[in-house]
């Protein structure tokens, strides 16, 4: 395989992964922005905890 092609494919995979992370984090921030102060526990739902764990955040 052409080494340049492999580099381009690797770059595209990296960009796609970063885009997914950004999208996940945007969803969490949007949920937090809708809550009154002190209500962070309501944001930490099972779904959010799964997303955090996906990126190594416990």
N, C-alpha and C. Protein backbone atom coordinates (compact mmCIF):
# COMPACT_ATOMS: atom_id res chain seq x y z
N UNK A 1 0.84 -1.18 0.00
CA UNK A 1 0.00 0.00 0.00
C UNK A 1 0.89 1.24 0.00
N UNK A 2 0.44 2.25 -0.65
CA UNK A 2 1.15 3.51 -0.74
C UNK A 2 1.29 4.12 0.66
N UNK A 3 2.54 4.48 1.07
CA UNK A 3 2.71 5.03 2.42
C UNK A 3 1.95 6.35 2.64
N UNK A 4 1.82 7.15 1.60
CA UNK A 4 1.05 8.39 1.74
C UNK A 4 -0.42 8.10 1.98
N UNK A 5 -0.93 7.10 1.27
CA UNK A 5 -2.33 6.72 1.45
C UNK A 5 -2.59 6.27 2.88
N UNK A 6 -1.66 5.49 3.42
CA UNK A 6 -1.79 5.01 4.80
C UNK A 6 -1.78 6.19 5.78
N UNK A 7 -0.92 7.17 5.52
CA UNK A 7 -0.87 8.34 6.40
C UNK A 7 -2.18 9.13 6.34
N UNK A 8 -2.73 9.28 5.15
CA UNK A 8 -3.99 10.00 4.99
C UNK A 8 -5.11 9.25 5.70
N UNK A 9 -5.15 7.94 5.54
CA UNK A 9 -6.18 7.14 6.21
C UNK A 9 -6.06 7.24 7.73
N UNK A 10 -4.83 7.19 8.24
CA UNK A 10 -4.62 7.31 9.69
C UNK A 10 -5.06 8.68 10.18
N UNK A 11 -4.74 9.71 9.42
CA UNK A 11 -5.16 11.07 9.78
C UNK A 11 -6.68 11.17 9.82
N UNK A 12 -7.35 10.62 8.82
CA UNK A 12 -8.81 10.66 8.76
C UNK A 12 -9.44 9.92 9.93
N UNK A 13 -8.87 8.80 10.30
CA UNK A 13 -9.38 8.05 11.46
C UNK A 13 -9.25 8.88 12.74
N UNK A 14 -8.10 9.55 12.88
CA UNK A 14 -7.86 10.39 14.06
C UNK A 14 -8.85 11.54 14.13
N UNK A 15 -9.09 12.19 13.01
CA UNK A 15 -10.04 13.31 12.96
C UNK A 15 -11.45 12.84 13.30
N UNK A 16 -11.84 11.69 12.78
CA UNK A 16 -13.17 11.15 13.06
C UNK A 16 -13.32 10.84 14.55
N UNK A 17 -12.28 10.27 15.15
CA UNK A 17 -12.33 9.95 16.58
C UNK A 17 -12.46 11.22 17.42
N UNK A 18 -11.71 12.26 17.06
CA UNK A 18 -11.78 13.52 17.80
C UNK A 18 -13.15 14.16 17.63
N UNK A 19 -13.74 14.03 16.46
CA UNK A 19 -15.07 14.57 16.23
C UNK A 19 -16.11 13.90 17.09
N UNK A 20 -15.97 12.58 17.25
CA UNK A 20 -16.91 11.84 18.10
C UNK A 20 -16.77 12.29 19.55
N UNK A 21 -15.53 12.47 20.02
CA UNK A 21 -15.32 12.94 21.39
C UNK A 21 -15.93 14.32 21.60
N UNK A 22 -15.72 15.20 20.65
CA UNK A 22 -16.26 16.56 20.77
C UNK A 22 -17.78 16.53 20.82
N UNK A 23 -18.39 15.69 20.00
CA UNK A 23 -19.84 15.58 19.97
C UNK A 23 -20.37 15.07 21.31
N UNK A 24 -19.71 14.06 21.85
CA UNK A 24 -20.10 13.51 23.15
C UNK A 24 -20.01 14.58 24.23
N UNK A 25 -18.92 15.31 24.25
CA UNK A 25 -18.73 16.33 25.28
C UNK A 25 -19.72 17.48 25.11
N UNK A 26 -20.04 17.85 23.88
CA UNK A 26 -21.03 18.90 23.65
C UNK A 26 -22.39 18.50 24.22
N UNK A 27 -22.75 17.24 24.08
CA UNK A 27 -24.02 16.76 24.63
C UNK A 27 -24.03 16.90 26.15
N UNK A 28 -22.93 16.56 26.79
CA UNK A 28 -22.87 16.66 28.24
C UNK A 28 -22.92 18.12 28.70
N UNK A 29 -22.20 18.98 28.03
CA UNK A 29 -22.18 20.38 28.40
C UNK A 29 -23.56 21.01 28.22
N UNK A 30 -24.24 20.65 27.15
CA UNK A 30 -25.59 21.18 26.92
C UNK A 30 -26.52 20.77 28.05
N UNK A 31 -26.40 19.54 28.51
CA UNK A 31 -27.25 19.07 29.61
C UNK A 31 -26.93 19.83 30.89
N UNK A 32 -25.65 20.06 31.16
CA UNK A 32 -25.26 20.78 32.36
C UNK A 32 -25.73 22.23 32.33
N UNK A 33 -25.69 22.84 31.17
CA UNK A 33 -26.07 24.26 31.04
C UNK A 33 -27.54 24.49 31.35
N UNK A 34 -28.36 23.46 31.25
CA UNK A 34 -29.79 23.60 31.48
C UNK A 34 -30.17 23.44 32.95
N UNK A 35 -29.23 23.05 33.77
CA UNK A 35 -29.54 22.82 35.18
C UNK A 35 -29.25 24.03 36.05
N UNK A 36 -30.04 24.19 37.12
CA UNK A 36 -29.71 25.23 38.09
C UNK A 36 -28.43 24.84 38.84
N UNK A 37 -27.74 25.82 39.44
CA UNK A 37 -26.52 25.50 40.18
C UNK A 37 -26.74 24.40 41.22
N UNK A 38 -25.75 23.56 41.41
CA UNK A 38 -25.82 22.51 42.42
C UNK A 38 -26.54 21.25 41.98
N UNK A 39 -26.90 21.16 40.73
CA UNK A 39 -27.66 19.99 40.27
C UNK A 39 -26.84 19.05 39.39
N UNK A 40 -25.54 19.06 39.53
CA UNK A 40 -24.67 18.24 38.69
C UNK A 40 -25.01 16.75 38.77
N UNK A 41 -25.47 16.31 39.92
CA UNK A 41 -25.79 14.89 40.09
C UNK A 41 -26.87 14.44 39.09
N UNK A 42 -27.75 15.35 38.73
CA UNK A 42 -28.78 15.00 37.76
C UNK A 42 -28.20 14.76 36.38
N UNK A 43 -27.06 15.34 36.10
CA UNK A 43 -26.42 15.18 34.80
C UNK A 43 -25.67 13.84 34.73
N UNK A 44 -25.18 13.40 35.86
CA UNK A 44 -24.38 12.19 35.88
C UNK A 44 -25.25 10.94 35.82
N UNK A 45 -25.99 10.82 34.74
CA UNK A 45 -26.85 9.66 34.53
C UNK A 45 -25.98 8.48 34.09
N UNK A 46 -26.58 7.34 33.99
CA UNK A 46 -25.85 6.15 33.55
C UNK A 46 -25.26 6.35 32.15
N UNK A 47 -26.03 6.98 31.26
CA UNK A 47 -25.53 7.23 29.91
C UNK A 47 -24.30 8.13 29.91
N UNK A 48 -24.34 9.18 30.72
CA UNK A 48 -23.21 10.10 30.80
C UNK A 48 -22.01 9.39 31.41
N UNK A 49 -22.23 8.58 32.41
CA UNK A 49 -21.13 7.84 33.03
C UNK A 49 -20.48 6.88 32.03
N UNK A 50 -21.28 6.30 31.16
CA UNK A 50 -20.74 5.41 30.12
C UNK A 50 -19.85 6.20 29.17
N UNK A 51 -20.32 7.39 28.78
CA UNK A 51 -19.51 8.23 27.89
C UNK A 51 -18.20 8.63 28.57
N UNK A 52 -18.28 9.03 29.83
CA UNK A 52 -17.07 9.40 30.55
C UNK A 52 -16.10 8.22 30.64
N UNK A 53 -16.62 7.06 30.96
CA UNK A 53 -15.77 5.87 31.06
C UNK A 53 -15.13 5.53 29.72
N UNK A 54 -15.84 5.80 28.65
CA UNK A 54 -15.32 5.56 27.31
C UNK A 54 -14.02 6.30 27.07
N UNK A 55 -13.88 7.47 27.71
CA UNK A 55 -12.68 8.29 27.56
C UNK A 55 -11.78 8.24 28.78
N UNK A 56 -11.99 7.26 29.63
CA UNK A 56 -11.10 7.05 30.77
C UNK A 56 -11.35 7.96 31.95
N UNK A 57 -12.52 8.60 32.00
CA UNK A 57 -12.85 9.49 33.12
C UNK A 57 -13.74 8.73 34.09
N UNK A 58 -13.32 8.64 35.33
CA UNK A 58 -14.10 7.92 36.34
C UNK A 58 -14.65 8.87 37.36
